Amino acid sequence: MSQKSQKLYPIIGTGIYILNDKAELLLMKRISPNGPGTWSPAGGHLEFGEAFDDCVRREAKEEWGIDVGNIRLLGLTNDIYQANKHSVTLHFACSITKGEPTITEPHNFTEIGWFKLNNLPSPLFHPVANFLQTEFDCFCGSGKKYKKCHRIAT
């Protein structure tokens, strides 16, 4: 099949959102080719045959060096980038069950930090920015929608 006639398909991505007891979200600054200079949670691509929860556990371990549990799907986004890149991103909340988050992939990330939900750094990674514009149940588990729960400007 020639390059011109090759069909392109979206990939399945994940975003892993962890909140601490101060209502702060864990994010890292990216230097990888996909979204350099933007802030994002850990995440990655779903591998063939992999269960969603297993993907979340694997990516949290690979990128933050932690074990996670209490995994719950918050929502999804349809993320279309420039240069023929398209992903469907599944956004998950979870909690740390073991370890302290650190940057375990210094070739992909330069900084790590906890940020108040109403004062996130910018710019945000494209799928994260898209997700935060949707109406989803808040990371904190209040049952309220994210923007209303933390008085986020729309």
N, C-alpha and C. Protein backbone atom coordinates (compact mmCIF):
# COMPACT_ATOMS: atom_id res chain seq x y z
N MET A 1 0.85 -1.17 0.00
CA MET A 1 0.00 0.00 0.00
C MET A 1 0.90 1.24 0.00
N SER A 2 0.63 2.16 -0.88
CA SER A 2 1.46 3.35 -0.96
C SER A 2 1.16 4.27 0.22
N GLN A 3 2.11 5.17 0.49
CA GLN A 3 1.96 6.10 1.60
C GLN A 3 0.72 6.98 1.43
N LYS A 4 0.44 7.39 0.18
CA LYS A 4 -0.70 8.27 -0.07
C LYS A 4 -2.03 7.56 0.17
N SER A 5 -2.11 6.27 -0.10
CA SER A 5 -3.38 5.57 0.06
C SER A 5 -3.51 4.90 1.43
N GLN A 6 -2.49 4.99 2.26
CA GLN A 6 -2.55 4.39 3.58
C GLN A 6 -3.59 5.12 4.44
N LYS A 7 -4.47 4.37 5.08
CA LYS A 7 -5.48 4.96 5.94
C LYS A 7 -4.88 5.29 7.30
N LEU A 8 -5.29 6.40 7.83
CA LEU A 8 -4.86 6.80 9.16
C LEU A 8 -5.98 6.53 10.15
N TYR A 9 -5.63 6.10 11.34
CA TYR A 9 -6.60 5.81 12.38
C TYR A 9 -6.18 6.50 13.68
N PRO A 10 -7.16 6.87 14.50
CA PRO A 10 -6.81 7.46 15.78
C PRO A 10 -6.18 6.42 16.71
N ILE A 11 -5.35 6.91 17.61
CA ILE A 11 -4.79 6.05 18.65
C ILE A 11 -5.59 6.27 19.94
N ILE A 12 -5.49 5.34 20.86
CA ILE A 12 -6.17 5.47 22.16
C ILE A 12 -5.13 5.93 23.18
N GLY A 13 -5.37 7.09 23.76
CA GLY A 13 -4.47 7.63 24.77
C GLY A 13 -5.14 7.64 26.13
N THR A 14 -4.32 7.81 27.17
CA THR A 14 -4.85 7.91 28.53
C THR A 14 -4.24 9.12 29.24
N GLY A 15 -5.01 9.70 30.12
CA GLY A 15 -4.54 10.73 31.03
C GLY A 15 -4.87 10.27 32.44
N ILE A 16 -3.91 10.42 33.36
CA ILE A 16 -4.05 9.89 34.71
C ILE A 16 -4.02 11.05 35.70
N TYR A 17 -5.15 11.32 36.32
CA TYR A 17 -5.29 12.47 37.20
C TYR A 17 -5.28 12.02 38.66
N ILE A 18 -4.33 12.57 39.42
CA ILE A 18 -4.20 12.26 40.84
C ILE A 18 -4.30 13.55 41.62
N LEU A 19 -5.17 13.55 42.60
CA LEU A 19 -5.40 14.71 43.46
C LEU A 19 -4.89 14.38 44.85
N ASN A 20 -4.21 15.34 45.49
CA ASN A 20 -3.79 15.10 46.87
C ASN A 20 -4.85 15.64 47.84
N ASP A 21 -4.58 15.55 49.12
CA ASP A 21 -5.57 15.95 50.12
C ASP A 21 -5.73 17.47 50.22
N LYS A 22 -4.94 18.23 49.46
CA LYS A 22 -5.07 19.70 49.42
C LYS A 22 -5.80 20.15 48.15
N ALA A 23 -6.44 19.22 47.45
CA ALA A 23 -7.13 19.51 46.18
C ALA A 23 -6.15 20.04 45.14
N GLU A 24 -4.96 19.43 45.10
CA GLU A 24 -3.96 19.79 44.11
C GLU A 24 -3.77 18.62 43.15
N LEU A 25 -3.58 18.96 41.88
CA LEU A 25 -3.43 17.99 40.81
C LEU A 25 -1.97 17.81 40.47
N LEU A 26 -1.55 16.57 40.27
CA LEU A 26 -0.17 16.25 39.93
C LEU A 26 0.02 16.37 38.42
N LEU A 27 0.98 17.23 38.01
CA LEU A 27 1.27 17.44 36.59
C LEU A 27 2.78 17.49 36.35
N MET A 28 3.16 17.23 35.10
CA MET A 28 4.56 17.30 34.69
C MET A 28 4.69 18.17 33.44
N LYS A 29 5.85 18.79 33.29
CA LYS A 29 6.11 19.59 32.09
C LYS A 29 6.80 18.70 31.05
N ARG A 30 6.22 18.68 29.87
CA ARG A 30 6.66 17.79 28.79
C ARG A 30 7.82 18.39 27.99
N ILE A 31 8.75 17.53 27.60
CA ILE A 31 9.77 17.91 26.62
C ILE A 31 9.79 16.92 25.46
N SER A 32 8.92 15.93 25.53
CA SER A 32 8.85 14.94 24.45
C SER A 32 8.35 15.62 23.17
N PRO A 33 8.55 15.00 22.02
CA PRO A 33 8.13 15.62 20.76
C PRO A 33 6.62 15.92 20.69
N ASN A 34 5.82 15.22 21.45
CA ASN A 34 4.38 15.43 21.44
C ASN A 34 4.01 16.41 22.56
N GLY A 35 3.85 17.67 22.22
CA GLY A 35 3.45 18.68 23.20
C GLY A 35 4.58 19.24 24.04
N PRO A 36 5.76 19.50 23.48
CA PRO A 36 6.85 20.03 24.31
C PRO A 36 6.48 21.38 24.93
N GLY A 37 6.86 21.56 26.19
CA GLY A 37 6.59 22.80 26.89
C GLY A 37 5.21 22.88 27.52
N THR A 38 4.40 21.83 27.36
CA THR A 38 3.07 21.84 27.95
C THR A 38 3.05 20.99 29.23
N TRP A 39 2.01 21.19 30.02
CA TRP A 39 1.85 20.47 31.28
C TRP A 39 0.77 19.40 31.11
N SER A 40 1.05 18.23 31.69
CA SER A 40 0.08 17.13 31.60
C SER A 40 0.26 16.18 32.77
N PRO A 41 -0.77 15.38 33.02
CA PRO A 41 -0.60 14.28 33.95
C PRO A 41 0.16 13.16 33.25
N ALA A 42 0.49 12.12 33.97
CA ALA A 42 1.06 10.94 33.33
C ALA A 42 0.01 10.37 32.38
N GLY A 43 0.45 9.60 31.45
CA GLY A 43 -0.47 8.99 30.50
C GLY A 43 0.31 8.38 29.36
N GLY A 44 -0.39 7.84 28.42
CA GLY A 44 0.27 7.22 27.28
C GLY A 44 -0.74 6.53 26.40
N HIS A 45 -0.26 5.59 25.66
CA HIS A 45 -1.10 4.88 24.71
C HIS A 45 -1.49 3.51 25.22
N LEU A 46 -2.70 3.15 24.95
CA LEU A 46 -3.19 1.81 25.25
C LEU A 46 -2.50 0.82 24.32
N GLU A 47 -1.93 -0.22 24.88
CA GLU A 47 -1.27 -1.24 24.08
C GLU A 47 -2.30 -2.27 23.62
N PHE A 48 -2.01 -2.92 22.51
CA PHE A 48 -2.92 -3.90 21.96
C PHE A 48 -3.21 -4.99 22.99
N GLY A 49 -4.48 -5.26 23.23
CA GLY A 49 -4.89 -6.30 24.17
C GLY A 49 -4.85 -5.89 25.63
N GLU A 50 -4.50 -4.66 25.93
CA GLU A 50 -4.35 -4.20 27.31
C GLU A 50 -5.68 -3.67 27.86
N ALA A 51 -5.99 -4.02 29.09
CA ALA A 51 -7.18 -3.49 29.78
C ALA A 51 -6.90 -2.05 30.18
N PHE A 52 -7.95 -1.22 30.24
CA PHE A 52 -7.78 0.19 30.58
C PHE A 52 -7.09 0.37 31.93
N ASP A 53 -7.56 -0.35 32.97
CA ASP A 53 -6.96 -0.22 34.30
C ASP A 53 -5.48 -0.61 34.29
N ASP A 54 -5.14 -1.64 33.52
CA ASP A 54 -3.74 -2.07 33.43
C ASP A 54 -2.90 -0.99 32.77
N CYS A 55 -3.45 -0.31 31.78
CA CYS A 55 -2.74 0.78 31.11
C CYS A 55 -2.47 1.91 32.11
N VAL A 56 -3.46 2.27 32.90
CA VAL A 56 -3.30 3.33 33.89
C VAL A 56 -2.21 2.94 34.89
N ARG A 57 -2.25 1.71 35.39
CA ARG A 57 -1.24 1.25 36.35
C ARG A 57 0.16 1.28 35.73
N ARG A 58 0.26 0.80 34.49
CA ARG A 58 1.56 0.74 33.80
C ARG A 58 2.13 2.14 33.59
N GLU A 59 1.31 3.05 33.08
CA GLU A 59 1.79 4.40 32.79
C GLU A 59 2.16 5.16 34.07
N ALA A 60 1.38 4.99 35.14
CA ALA A 60 1.71 5.65 36.41
C ALA A 60 3.05 5.15 36.94
N LYS A 61 3.29 3.86 36.78
CA LYS A 61 4.56 3.28 37.24
C LYS A 61 5.72 3.76 36.36
N GLU A 62 5.51 3.75 35.04
CA GLU A 62 6.56 4.14 34.11
C GLU A 62 6.94 5.62 34.25
N GLU A 63 5.95 6.49 34.39
CA GLU A 63 6.22 7.92 34.34
C GLU A 63 6.39 8.58 35.71
N TRP A 64 5.78 8.02 36.76
CA TRP A 64 5.88 8.60 38.09
C TRP A 64 6.51 7.67 39.12
N GLY A 65 6.70 6.40 38.78
CA GLY A 65 7.30 5.46 39.72
C GLY A 65 6.39 5.10 40.88
N ILE A 66 5.08 5.17 40.68
CA ILE A 66 4.13 4.91 41.77
C ILE A 66 3.15 3.81 41.38
N ASP A 67 2.54 3.21 42.40
CA ASP A 67 1.43 2.29 42.20
C ASP A 67 0.14 3.05 42.46
N VAL A 68 -0.89 2.76 41.69
CA VAL A 68 -2.17 3.47 41.84
C VAL A 68 -3.32 2.48 41.96
N GLY A 69 -4.41 2.96 42.54
CA GLY A 69 -5.63 2.18 42.68
C GLY A 69 -6.82 3.10 42.63
N ASN A 70 -7.99 2.57 42.93
CA ASN A 70 -9.23 3.34 42.90
C ASN A 70 -9.38 4.07 41.55
N ILE A 71 -9.15 3.34 40.49
CA ILE A 71 -9.16 3.90 39.14
C ILE A 71 -10.60 4.05 38.65
N ARG A 72 -10.92 5.27 38.19
CA ARG A 72 -12.26 5.50 37.66
C ARG A 72 -12.20 6.40 36.43
N LEU A 73 -12.99 6.05 35.44
CA LEU A 73 -13.05 6.82 34.21
C LEU A 73 -13.83 8.11 34.44
N LEU A 74 -13.21 9.24 34.09
CA LEU A 74 -13.87 10.54 34.23
C LEU A 74 -14.57 10.97 32.94
N GLY A 75 -13.97 10.63 31.81
CA GLY A 75 -14.53 11.04 30.53
C GLY A 75 -13.54 10.79 29.42
N LEU A 76 -13.89 11.27 28.23
CA LEU A 76 -13.00 11.10 27.08
C LEU A 76 -13.05 12.32 26.20
N THR A 77 -12.01 12.46 25.39
CA THR A 77 -11.95 13.56 24.43
C THR A 77 -11.52 13.02 23.07
N ASN A 78 -11.92 13.75 22.04
CA ASN A 78 -11.55 13.45 20.67
C ASN A 78 -10.52 14.51 20.29
N ASP A 79 -9.24 14.17 20.27
CA ASP A 79 -8.16 15.13 20.12
C ASP A 79 -7.51 15.04 18.75
N ILE A 80 -7.69 16.09 17.97
CA ILE A 80 -7.12 16.13 16.63
C ILE A 80 -6.01 17.16 16.62
N TYR A 81 -4.81 16.71 16.27
CA TYR A 81 -3.62 17.55 16.24
C TYR A 81 -3.28 17.92 14.80
N GLN A 82 -2.28 18.75 14.68
CA GLN A 82 -1.72 19.00 13.36
C GLN A 82 -0.90 17.79 12.95
N ALA A 83 -0.47 17.76 11.72
CA ALA A 83 0.41 16.71 11.20
C ALA A 83 -0.21 15.32 11.26
N ASN A 84 -1.48 15.22 10.89
CA ASN A 84 -2.15 13.92 10.78
C ASN A 84 -2.11 13.09 12.06
N LYS A 85 -2.29 13.72 13.20
CA LYS A 85 -2.33 12.98 14.45
C LYS A 85 -3.70 13.14 15.08
N HIS A 86 -4.27 12.02 15.49
CA HIS A 86 -5.61 12.01 16.06
C HIS A 86 -5.62 10.97 17.16
N SER A 87 -6.11 11.37 18.33
CA SER A 87 -6.24 10.39 19.41
C SER A 87 -7.59 10.54 20.08
N VAL A 88 -8.06 9.46 20.62
CA VAL A 88 -9.19 9.45 21.53
C VAL A 88 -8.56 9.22 22.89
N THR A 89 -8.73 10.18 23.79
CA THR A 89 -8.06 10.11 25.08
C THR A 89 -9.07 9.78 26.17
N LEU A 90 -8.76 8.75 26.95
CA LEU A 90 -9.56 8.35 28.10
C LEU A 90 -8.92 8.98 29.34
N HIS A 91 -9.70 9.72 30.10
CA HIS A 91 -9.19 10.45 31.26
C HIS A 91 -9.65 9.74 32.53
N PHE A 92 -8.68 9.34 33.35
CA PHE A 92 -8.95 8.57 34.56
C PHE A 92 -8.49 9.31 35.82
N ALA A 93 -9.24 9.18 36.90
CA ALA A 93 -8.81 9.61 38.22
C ALA A 93 -8.37 8.36 38.98
N CYS A 94 -7.40 8.51 39.85
CA CYS A 94 -6.98 7.40 40.69
C CYS A 94 -6.25 7.96 41.90
N SER A 95 -5.86 7.08 42.78
CA SER A 95 -5.12 7.49 43.97
C SER A 95 -3.83 6.69 44.07
N ILE A 96 -2.89 7.26 44.79
CA ILE A 96 -1.59 6.61 44.99
C ILE A 96 -1.74 5.55 46.07
N THR A 97 -1.30 4.33 45.78
CA THR A 97 -1.33 3.27 46.79
C THR A 97 0.06 2.97 47.33
N LYS A 98 1.10 3.35 46.54
CA LYS A 98 2.47 3.09 47.00
C LYS A 98 3.43 3.99 46.25
N GLY A 99 4.34 4.61 47.01
CA GLY A 99 5.40 5.41 46.41
C GLY A 99 5.15 6.90 46.45
N GLU A 100 6.18 7.64 46.11
CA GLU A 100 6.13 9.09 45.99
C GLU A 100 6.40 9.45 44.53
N PRO A 101 5.57 10.28 43.92
CA PRO A 101 5.75 10.61 42.52
C PRO A 101 7.07 11.33 42.25
N THR A 102 7.77 10.84 41.26
CA THR A 102 9.00 11.47 40.78
C THR A 102 9.01 11.36 39.26
N ILE A 103 9.90 12.11 38.64
CA ILE A 103 10.06 11.99 37.20
C ILE A 103 10.96 10.78 36.94
N THR A 104 10.42 9.77 36.32
CA THR A 104 11.19 8.57 36.02
C THR A 104 11.58 8.50 34.54
N GLU A 105 11.11 9.46 33.76
CA GLU A 105 11.47 9.55 32.34
C GLU A 105 11.98 10.97 32.05
N PRO A 106 13.23 11.28 32.49
CA PRO A 106 13.74 12.64 32.31
C PRO A 106 13.93 13.04 30.85
N HIS A 107 13.89 12.08 29.94
CA HIS A 107 13.96 12.40 28.51
C HIS A 107 12.61 12.89 27.99
N ASN A 108 11.53 12.74 28.78
CA ASN A 108 10.19 13.18 28.37
C ASN A 108 9.64 14.34 29.20
N PHE A 109 10.16 14.52 30.44
CA PHE A 109 9.60 15.52 31.34
C PHE A 109 10.71 16.24 32.09
N THR A 110 10.48 17.55 32.38
CA THR A 110 11.51 18.33 33.09
C THR A 110 11.11 18.73 34.49
N GLU A 111 9.82 18.89 34.75
CA GLU A 111 9.36 19.36 36.05
C GLU A 111 8.15 18.55 36.47
N ILE A 112 7.95 18.49 37.79
CA ILE A 112 6.78 17.82 38.35
C ILE A 112 6.28 18.68 39.50
N GLY A 113 4.97 18.74 39.68
CA GLY A 113 4.45 19.53 40.79
C GLY A 113 2.98 19.31 41.02
N TRP A 114 2.54 19.77 42.18
CA TRP A 114 1.13 19.73 42.57
C TRP A 114 0.56 21.13 42.37
N PHE A 115 -0.60 21.22 41.71
CA PHE A 115 -1.19 22.51 41.37
C PHE A 115 -2.65 22.56 41.80
N LYS A 116 -3.06 23.71 42.38
CA LYS A 116 -4.45 23.92 42.76
C LYS A 116 -5.32 23.82 41.51
N LEU A 117 -6.48 23.20 41.64
CA LEU A 117 -7.37 23.00 40.50
C LEU A 117 -7.83 24.31 39.87
N ASN A 118 -7.89 25.37 40.66
CA ASN A 118 -8.30 26.66 40.10
C ASN A 118 -7.10 27.53 39.71
N ASN A 119 -5.91 26.93 39.67
CA ASN A 119 -4.71 27.67 39.30
C ASN A 119 -3.69 26.73 38.64
N LEU A 120 -4.11 26.10 37.55
CA LEU A 120 -3.24 25.15 36.85
C LEU A 120 -2.23 25.89 35.98
N PRO A 121 -1.06 25.30 35.78
CA PRO A 121 -0.05 25.97 34.93
C PRO A 121 -0.48 25.96 33.47
N SER A 122 0.21 26.78 32.69
CA SER A 122 -0.08 26.79 31.26
C SER A 122 1.23 26.90 30.50
N PRO A 123 1.22 26.46 29.27
CA PRO A 123 0.08 25.88 28.57
C PRO A 123 -0.13 24.42 28.97
N LEU A 124 -1.37 23.97 28.84
CA LEU A 124 -1.71 22.58 29.11
C LEU A 124 -1.61 21.77 27.82
N PHE A 125 -1.27 20.51 27.95
CA PHE A 125 -1.23 19.57 26.84
C PHE A 125 -2.61 19.53 26.17
N HIS A 126 -2.64 19.45 24.87
CA HIS A 126 -3.88 19.55 24.08
C HIS A 126 -5.03 18.68 24.61
N PRO A 127 -4.84 17.38 24.85
CA PRO A 127 -5.96 16.57 25.38
C PRO A 127 -6.42 17.02 26.77
N VAL A 128 -5.50 17.51 27.59
CA VAL A 128 -5.85 17.97 28.94
C VAL A 128 -6.70 19.24 28.84
N ALA A 129 -6.25 20.18 28.01
CA ALA A 129 -7.02 21.42 27.82
C ALA A 129 -8.42 21.10 27.28
N ASN A 130 -8.49 20.19 26.34
CA ASN A 130 -9.80 19.78 25.80
C ASN A 130 -10.68 19.19 26.89
N PHE A 131 -10.11 18.31 27.70
CA PHE A 131 -10.87 17.64 28.74
C PHE A 131 -11.41 18.62 29.78
N LEU A 132 -10.58 19.57 30.17
CA LEU A 132 -11.00 20.51 31.21
C LEU A 132 -12.12 21.43 30.75
N GLN A 133 -12.40 21.45 29.46
CA GLN A 133 -13.52 22.23 28.93
C GLN A 133 -14.83 21.45 28.93
N THR A 134 -14.76 20.17 29.23
CA THR A 134 -15.97 19.34 29.23
C THR A 134 -16.63 19.38 30.61
N GLU A 135 -17.83 18.89 30.68
CA GLU A 135 -18.56 18.79 31.95
C GLU A 135 -18.36 17.39 32.51
N PHE A 136 -17.46 17.25 33.45
CA PHE A 136 -17.20 15.94 34.06
C PHE A 136 -17.28 16.05 35.57
N ASP A 137 -17.54 14.93 36.22
CA ASP A 137 -17.57 14.91 37.67
C ASP A 137 -16.16 15.17 38.18
N CYS A 138 -16.05 16.05 39.16
CA CYS A 138 -14.75 16.54 39.63
C CYS A 138 -13.82 15.43 40.09
N PHE A 139 -12.54 15.71 39.92
CA PHE A 139 -11.48 14.80 40.38
C PHE A 139 -11.62 14.48 41.86
N CYS A 140 -12.10 15.46 42.63
CA CYS A 140 -12.10 15.33 44.09
C CYS A 140 -13.16 14.37 44.61
N GLY A 141 -14.08 13.93 43.74
CA GLY A 141 -15.09 12.97 44.16
C GLY A 141 -16.29 13.60 44.84
N SER A 142 -16.46 14.91 44.75
CA SER A 142 -17.57 15.61 45.40
C SER A 142 -18.92 15.28 44.78
N GLY A 143 -18.91 14.79 43.53
CA GLY A 143 -20.14 14.55 42.80
C GLY A 143 -20.58 15.78 42.02
N LYS A 144 -19.92 16.90 42.23
CA LYS A 144 -20.21 18.13 41.49
C LYS A 144 -19.39 18.15 40.20
N LYS A 145 -19.82 18.97 39.26
CA LYS A 145 -19.05 19.16 38.04
C LYS A 145 -17.79 19.96 38.37
N TYR A 146 -16.69 19.63 37.71
CA TYR A 146 -15.38 20.21 37.98
C TYR A 146 -15.41 21.74 38.07
N LYS A 147 -15.94 22.40 37.05
CA LYS A 147 -15.89 23.88 37.02
C LYS A 147 -16.68 24.50 38.16
N LYS A 148 -17.80 23.90 38.53
CA LYS A 148 -18.61 24.44 39.63
C LYS A 148 -17.98 24.12 40.98
N CYS A 149 -17.41 22.94 41.09
CA CYS A 149 -16.82 22.50 42.36
C CYS A 149 -15.67 23.41 42.80
N HIS A 150 -14.87 23.84 41.84
CA HIS A 150 -13.68 24.65 42.20
C HIS A 150 -13.74 26.06 41.61
N ARG A 151 -14.96 26.48 41.26
CA ARG A 151 -15.19 27.84 40.77
C ARG A 151 -14.22 28.22 39.64
N ILE A 152 -14.19 27.36 38.65
CA ILE A 152 -13.33 27.58 37.50
C ILE A 152 -14.06 28.49 36.51
N ALA A 153 -13.37 29.53 36.05
CA ALA A 153 -13.96 30.43 35.06
C ALA A 153 -14.16 29.71 33.75
N THR A 154 -15.27 29.96 33.09
CA THR A 154 -15.53 29.32 31.80
C THR A 154 -15.28 30.26 30.66
